[in-house]
Amino acid sequence: MIQCFSRAIQVTDRFHVQKLALEAMQEIRVKHRWEAMDIENQLIMQAKRENRTYIPDSKLESDLKQKSL
């Protein structure tokens, strides 16, 4: 394997570190949002199995998670 720029030094700057951190946070937000949506979908399916209408509770944890994300 040939090495290019053998004398180069790798530098990290604040802006790129911040960008990487924000991208990681966004990935976590999306993951949690999908989990909250899955919980709500499970509640909807459970209501259908019990032949009742699903009424979302505004204080429900999954609903609050979705709105906060």
PDB file of N, CA and C in Angstrom:
ATOM      1  N   MET A   1       0.846  -1.175   0.000  1.00  0.00           N
ATOM      2  CA  MET A   1       0.000   0.000   0.000  1.00  0.00           C
ATOM      3  C   MET A   1       0.892   1.240   0.000  1.00  0.00           C
ATOM      4  N   ILE A   2       0.642   2.136  -0.918  1.00  0.00           N
ATOM      5  CA  ILE A   2       1.419   3.368  -1.023  1.00  0.00           C
ATOM      6  C   ILE A   2       0.772   4.433  -0.151  1.00  0.00           C
ATOM      7  N   GLN A   3       1.604   5.118   0.626  1.00  0.00           N
ATOM      8  CA  GLN A   3       1.082   6.182   1.479  1.00  0.00           C
ATOM      9  C   GLN A   3       1.228   7.517   0.777  1.00  0.00           C
ATOM     10  N   CYS A   4       0.134   8.228   0.664  1.00  0.00           N
ATOM     11  CA  CYS A   4       0.169   9.580   0.120  1.00  0.00           C
ATOM     12  C   CYS A   4       0.269  10.553   1.287  1.00  0.00           C
ATOM     13  N   PHE A   5       0.925  11.624   1.086  1.00  0.00           N
ATOM     14  CA  PHE A   5       1.058  12.670   2.101  1.00  0.00           C
ATOM     15  C   PHE A   5       1.598  12.099   3.413  1.00  0.00           C
ATOM     16  N   SER A   6       2.726  11.461   3.352  1.00  0.00           N
ATOM     17  CA  SER A   6       3.283  10.787   4.526  1.00  0.00           C
ATOM     18  C   SER A   6       3.650  11.746   5.656  1.00  0.00           C
ATOM     19  N   ARG A   7       3.859  13.008   5.350  1.00  0.00           N
ATOM     20  CA  ARG A   7       4.223  13.975   6.393  1.00  0.00           C
ATOM     21  C   ARG A   7       3.036  14.831   6.856  1.00  0.00           C
ATOM     22  N   ALA A   8       1.865  14.516   6.378  1.00  0.00           N
ATOM     23  CA  ALA A   8       0.681  15.306   6.750  1.00  0.00           C
ATOM     24  C   ALA A   8       0.263  14.997   8.184  1.00  0.00           C
ATOM     25  N   ILE A   9      -0.257  16.010   8.838  1.00  0.00           N
ATOM     26  CA  ILE A   9      -0.770  15.822  10.200  1.00  0.00           C
ATOM     27  C   ILE A   9      -2.293  15.945  10.134  1.00  0.00           C
ATOM     28  N   GLN A  10      -2.969  15.089  10.893  1.00  0.00           N
ATOM     29  CA  GLN A  10      -4.425  15.141  10.915  1.00  0.00           C
ATOM     30  C   GLN A  10      -4.860  16.141  11.980  1.00  0.00           C
ATOM     31  N   VAL A  11      -5.741  17.048  11.598  1.00  0.00           N
ATOM     32  CA  VAL A  11      -6.174  18.112  12.497  1.00  0.00           C
ATOM     33  C   VAL A  11      -7.685  18.036  12.654  1.00  0.00           C
ATOM     34  N   THR A  12      -8.155  18.235  13.865  1.00  0.00           N
ATOM     35  CA  THR A  12      -9.601  18.334  14.090  1.00  0.00           C
ATOM     36  C   THR A  12      -9.904  19.758  14.521  1.00  0.00           C
ATOM     37  N   ASP A  13     -10.913  20.314  13.907  1.00  0.00           N
ATOM     38  CA  ASP A  13     -11.290  21.672  14.288  1.00  0.00           C
ATOM     39  C   ASP A  13     -12.682  21.646  14.914  1.00  0.00           C
ATOM     40  N   ARG A  14     -12.996  22.694  15.594  1.00  0.00           N
ATOM     41  CA  ARG A  14     -14.241  22.794  16.356  1.00  0.00           C
ATOM     42  C   ARG A  14     -15.465  22.601  15.472  1.00  0.00           C
ATOM     43  N   PHE A  15     -15.463  23.155  14.298  1.00  0.00           N
ATOM     44  CA  PHE A  15     -16.638  23.116  13.439  1.00  0.00           C
ATOM     45  C   PHE A  15     -16.955  21.706  12.946  1.00  0.00           C
ATOM     46  N   HIS A  16     -15.917  20.955  12.583  1.00  0.00           N
ATOM     47  CA  HIS A  16     -16.164  19.594  12.113  1.00  0.00           C
ATOM     48  C   HIS A  16     -16.560  18.673  13.266  1.00  0.00           C
ATOM     49  N   VAL A  17     -15.988  18.896  14.425  1.00  0.00           N
ATOM     50  CA  VAL A  17     -16.371  18.102  15.597  1.00  0.00           C
ATOM     51  C   VAL A  17     -17.824  18.388  15.942  1.00  0.00           C
ATOM     52  N   GLN A  18     -18.204  19.658  15.909  1.00  0.00           N
ATOM     53  CA  GLN A  18     -19.585  20.047  16.204  1.00  0.00           C
ATOM     54  C   GLN A  18     -20.540  19.441  15.167  1.00  0.00           C
ATOM     55  N   LYS A  19     -20.157  19.445  13.917  1.00  0.00           N
ATOM     56  CA  LYS A  19     -20.987  18.866  12.860  1.00  0.00           C
ATOM     57  C   LYS A  19     -21.210  17.377  13.106  1.00  0.00           C
ATOM     58  N   LEU A  20     -20.149  16.665  13.455  1.00  0.00           N
ATOM     59  CA  LEU A  20     -20.274  15.234  13.729  1.00  0.00           C
ATOM     60  C   LEU A  20     -21.177  14.973  14.930  1.00  0.00           C
ATOM     61  N   ALA A  21     -21.044  15.808  15.965  1.00  0.00           N
ATOM     62  CA  ALA A  21     -21.880  15.648  17.156  1.00  0.00           C
ATOM     63  C   ALA A  21     -23.349  15.905  16.830  1.00  0.00           C
ATOM     64  N   LEU A  22     -23.631  16.930  16.061  1.00  0.00           N
ATOM     65  CA  LEU A  22     -25.014  17.243  15.691  1.00  0.00           C
ATOM     66  C   LEU A  22     -25.618  16.150  14.809  1.00  0.00           C
ATOM     67  N   GLU A  23     -24.828  15.587  13.921  1.00  0.00           N
ATOM     68  CA  GLU A  23     -25.316  14.488  13.088  1.00  0.00           C
ATOM     69  C   GLU A  23     -25.648  13.270  13.947  1.00  0.00           C
ATOM     70  N   ALA A  24     -24.820  13.004  14.942  1.00  0.00           N
ATOM     71  CA  ALA A  24     -25.080  11.877  15.844  1.00  0.00           C
ATOM     72  C   ALA A  24     -26.353  12.116  16.648  1.00  0.00           C
ATOM     73  N   MET A  25     -26.546  13.346  17.122  1.00  0.00           N
ATOM     74  CA  MET A  25     -27.760  13.680  17.875  1.00  0.00           C
ATOM     75  C   MET A  25     -29.001  13.532  16.997  1.00  0.00           C
ATOM     76  N   GLN A  26     -28.910  13.960  15.762  1.00  0.00           N
ATOM     77  CA  GLN A  26     -30.049  13.844  14.846  1.00  0.00           C
ATOM     78  C   GLN A  26     -30.404  12.379  14.619  1.00  0.00           C
ATOM     79  N   GLU A  27     -29.393  11.547  14.496  1.00  0.00           N
ATOM     80  CA  GLU A  27     -29.624  10.115  14.314  1.00  0.00           C
ATOM     81  C   GLU A  27     -30.359   9.528  15.523  1.00  0.00           C
ATOM     82  N   ILE A  28     -29.977   9.963  16.720  1.00  0.00           N
ATOM     83  CA  ILE A  28     -30.637   9.496  17.941  1.00  0.00           C
ATOM     84  C   ILE A  28     -32.075   9.996  17.990  1.00  0.00           C
ATOM     85  N   ARG A  29     -32.299  11.260  17.608  1.00  0.00           N
ATOM     86  CA  ARG A  29     -33.661  11.811  17.586  1.00  0.00           C
ATOM     87  C   ARG A  29     -34.566  11.009  16.656  1.00  0.00           C
ATOM     88  N   VAL A  30     -34.060  10.698  15.482  1.00  0.00           N
ATOM     89  CA  VAL A  30     -34.849   9.937  14.510  1.00  0.00           C
ATOM     90  C   VAL A  30     -35.175   8.555  15.068  1.00  0.00           C
ATOM     91  N   LYS A  31     -34.198   7.926  15.696  1.00  0.00           N
ATOM     92  CA  LYS A  31     -34.412   6.593  16.277  1.00  0.00           C
ATOM     93  C   LYS A  31     -35.507   6.637  17.338  1.00  0.00           C
ATOM     94  N   HIS A  32     -35.450   7.634  18.226  1.00  0.00           N
ATOM     95  CA  HIS A  32     -36.456   7.753  19.281  1.00  0.00           C
ATOM     96  C   HIS A  32     -37.833   8.087  18.707  1.00  0.00           C
ATOM     97  N   ARG A  33     -37.857   8.891  17.663  1.00  0.00           N
ATOM     98  CA  ARG A  33     -39.144   9.220  17.032  1.00  0.00           C
ATOM     99  C   ARG A  33     -39.788   7.969  16.445  1.00  0.00           C
ATOM    100  N   TRP A  34     -38.995   7.134  15.770  1.00  0.00           N
ATOM    101  CA  TRP A  34     -39.531   5.891  15.223  1.00  0.00           C
ATOM    102  C   TRP A  34     -40.027   4.971  16.333  1.00  0.00           C
ATOM    103  N   GLU A  35     -39.305   4.917  17.449  1.00  0.00           N
ATOM    104  CA  GLU A  35     -39.742   4.092  18.577  1.00  0.00           C
ATOM    105  C   GLU A  35     -41.070   4.592  19.123  1.00  0.00           C
ATOM    106  N   ALA A  36     -41.229   5.915  19.238  1.00  0.00           N
ATOM    107  CA  ALA A  36     -42.481   6.490  19.729  1.00  0.00           C
ATOM    108  C   ALA A  36     -43.624   6.186  18.763  1.00  0.00           C
ATOM    109  N   MET A  37     -43.349   6.248  17.477  1.00  0.00           N
ATOM    110  CA  MET A  37     -44.381   5.939  16.486  1.00  0.00           C
ATOM    111  C   MET A  37     -44.759   4.461  16.545  1.00  0.00           C
ATOM    112  N   ASP A  38     -43.787   3.598  16.784  1.00  0.00           N
ATOM    113  CA  ASP A  38     -44.068   2.165  16.920  1.00  0.00           C
ATOM    114  C   ASP A  38     -44.969   1.900  18.121  1.00  0.00           C
ATOM    115  N   ILE A  39     -44.716   2.588  19.233  1.00  0.00           N
ATOM    116  CA  ILE A  39     -45.548   2.430  20.429  1.00  0.00           C
ATOM    117  C   ILE A  39     -46.982   2.848  20.122  1.00  0.00           C
ATOM    118  N   GLU A  40     -47.130   3.991  19.463  1.00  0.00           N
ATOM    119  CA  GLU A  40     -48.476   4.461  19.130  1.00  0.00           C
ATOM    120  C   GLU A  40     -49.169   3.491  18.174  1.00  0.00           C
ATOM    121  N   ASN A  41     -48.444   2.968  17.205  1.00  0.00           N
ATOM    122  CA  ASN A  41     -49.029   1.992  16.274  1.00  0.00           C
ATOM    123  C   ASN A  41     -49.478   0.730  17.002  1.00  0.00           C
ATOM    124  N   GLN A  42     -48.711   0.304  17.998  1.00  0.00           N
ATOM    125  CA  GLN A  42     -49.101  -0.864  18.785  1.00  0.00           C
ATOM    126  C   GLN A  42     -50.391  -0.590  19.551  1.00  0.00           C
ATOM    127  N   LEU A  43     -50.522   0.621  20.098  1.00  0.00           N
ATOM    128  CA  LEU A  43     -51.744   0.983  20.818  1.00  0.00           C
ATOM    129  C   LEU A  43     -52.945   1.029  19.876  1.00  0.00           C
ATOM    130  N   ILE A  44     -52.740   1.507  18.669  1.00  0.00           N
ATOM    131  CA  ILE A  44     -53.818   1.550  17.678  1.00  0.00           C
ATOM    132  C   ILE A  44     -54.250   0.132  17.309  1.00  0.00           C
ATOM    133  N   MET A  45     -53.284  -0.745  17.074  1.00  0.00           N
ATOM    134  CA  MET A  45     -53.600  -2.138  16.729  1.00  0.00           C
ATOM    135  C   MET A  45     -54.311  -2.844  17.883  1.00  0.00           C
ATOM    136  N   GLN A  46     -53.887  -2.563  19.106  1.00  0.00           N
ATOM    137  CA  GLN A  46     -54.532  -3.157  20.276  1.00  0.00           C
ATOM    138  C   GLN A  46     -55.984  -2.693  20.362  1.00  0.00           C
ATOM    139  N   ALA A  47     -56.233  -1.425  20.114  1.00  0.00           N
ATOM    140  CA  ALA A  47     -57.596  -0.898  20.139  1.00  0.00           C
ATOM    141  C   ALA A  47     -58.445  -1.562  19.055  1.00  0.00           C
ATOM    142  N   LYS A  48     -57.872  -1.779  17.877  1.00  0.00           N
ATOM    143  CA  LYS A  48     -58.612  -2.448  16.798  1.00  0.00           C
ATOM    144  C   LYS A  48     -58.965  -3.880  17.179  1.00  0.00           C
ATOM    145  N   ARG A  49     -58.018  -4.582  17.810  1.00  0.00           N
ATOM    146  CA  ARG A  49     -58.281  -5.965  18.233  1.00  0.00           C
ATOM    147  C   ARG A  49     -59.400  -6.018  19.264  1.00  0.00           C
ATOM    148  N   GLU A  50     -59.495  -4.978  20.088  1.00  0.00           N
ATOM    149  CA  GLU A  50     -60.525  -4.924  21.133  1.00  0.00           C
ATOM    150  C   GLU A  50     -61.800  -4.246  20.643  1.00  0.00           C
ATOM    151  N   ASN A  51     -61.885  -3.977  19.343  1.00  0.00           N
ATOM    152  CA  ASN A  51     -63.050  -3.330  18.727  1.00  0.00           C
ATOM    153  C   ASN A  51     -63.440  -2.027  19.415  1.00  0.00           C
ATOM    154  N   ARG A  52     -62.464  -1.225  19.668  1.00  0.00           N
ATOM    155  CA  ARG A  52     -62.742   0.099  20.234  1.00  0.00           C
ATOM    156  C   ARG A  52     -61.968   1.147  19.449  1.00  0.00           C
ATOM    157  N   THR A  53     -62.405   2.381  19.599  1.00  0.00           N
ATOM    158  CA  THR A  53     -61.774   3.486  18.889  1.00  0.00           C
ATOM    159  C   THR A  53     -60.553   3.943  19.668  1.00  0.00           C
ATOM    160  N   TYR A  54     -59.481   4.137  18.949  1.00  0.00           N
ATOM    161  CA  TYR A  54     -58.255   4.634  19.590  1.00  0.00           C
ATOM    162  C   TYR A  54     -58.362   6.143  19.748  1.00  0.00           C
ATOM    163  N   ILE A  55     -58.269   6.592  20.973  1.00  0.00           N
ATOM    164  CA  ILE A  55     -58.272   8.023  21.266  1.00  0.00           C
ATOM    165  C   ILE A  55     -56.920   8.347  21.880  1.00  0.00           C
ATOM    166  N   PRO A  56     -56.093   9.085  21.149  1.00  0.00           N
ATOM    167  CA  PRO A  56     -54.764   9.390  21.683  1.00  0.00           C
ATOM    168  C   PRO A  56     -54.856  10.303  22.897  1.00  0.00           C
ATOM    169  N   ASP A  57     -54.144   9.947  23.926  1.00  0.00           N
ATOM    170  CA  ASP A  57     -54.072  10.758  25.137  1.00  0.00           C
ATOM    171  C   ASP A  57     -52.936  11.753  24.945  1.00  0.00           C
ATOM    172  N   SER A  58     -53.218  13.028  25.083  1.00  0.00           N
ATOM    173  CA  SER A  58     -52.186  14.047  24.843  1.00  0.00           C
ATOM    174  C   SER A  58     -51.060  13.952  25.864  1.00  0.00           C
ATOM    175  N   LYS A  59     -51.314  13.318  26.986  1.00  0.00           N
ATOM    176  CA  LYS A  59     -50.286  13.171  28.011  1.00  0.00           C
ATOM    177  C   LYS A  59     -49.514  11.865  27.848  1.00  0.00           C
ATOM    178  N   LEU A  60     -49.883  11.099  26.847  1.00  0.00           N
ATOM    179  CA  LEU A  60     -49.218   9.826  26.607  1.00  0.00           C
ATOM    180  C   LEU A  60     -47.748  10.051  26.297  1.00  0.00           C
ATOM    181  N   GLU A  61     -46.906   9.248  26.877  1.00  0.00           N
ATOM    182  CA  GLU A  61     -45.459   9.433  26.732  1.00  0.00           C
ATOM    183  C   GLU A  61     -45.017   9.382  25.273  1.00  0.00           C
ATOM    184  N   SER A  62     -45.572   8.456  24.510  1.00  0.00           N
ATOM    185  CA  SER A  62     -45.149   8.348  23.109  1.00  0.00           C
ATOM    186  C   SER A  62     -45.550   9.585  22.322  1.00  0.00           C
ATOM    187  N   ASP A  63     -46.714  10.150  22.631  1.00  0.00           N
ATOM    188  CA  ASP A  63     -47.169  11.360  21.945  1.00  0.00           C
ATOM    189  C   ASP A  63     -46.257  12.531  22.285  1.00  0.00           C
ATOM    190  N   LEU A  64     -45.888  12.632  23.546  1.00  0.00           N
ATOM    191  CA  LEU A  64     -44.996  13.716  23.956  1.00  0.00           C
ATOM    192  C   LEU A  64     -43.626  13.561  23.309  1.00  0.00           C
ATOM    193  N   LYS A  65     -43.152  12.327  23.211  1.00  0.00           N
ATOM    194  CA  LYS A  65     -41.855  12.083  22.580  1.00  0.00           C
ATOM    195  C   LYS A  65     -41.890  12.498  21.117  1.00  0.00           C
ATOM    196  N   GLN A  66     -42.985  12.148  20.421  1.00  0.00           N
ATOM    197  CA  GLN A  66     -43.075  12.484  19.000  1.00  0.00           C
ATOM    198  C   GLN A  66     -43.066  13.989  18.801  1.00  0.00           C
ATOM    199  N   LYS A  67     -43.823  14.707  19.624  1.00  0.00           N
ATOM    200  CA  LYS A  67     -43.910  16.152  19.452  1.00  0.00           C
ATOM    201  C   LYS A  67     -42.609  16.845  19.818  1.00  0.00           C
ATOM    202  N   SER A  68     -41.880  16.290  20.773  1.00  0.00           N
ATOM    203  CA  SER A  68     -40.634  16.931  21.181  1.00  0.00           C
ATOM    204  C   SER A  68     -39.516  16.684  20.174  1.00  0.00           C
ATOM    205  N   LEU A  69     -39.680  15.662  19.341  1.00  0.00           N
ATOM    206  CA  LEU A  69     -38.643  15.338  18.370  1.00  0.00           C
ATOM    207  C   LEU A  69     -39.046  15.916  17.057  1.00  0.00           C
TER     208      LEU A  69
END
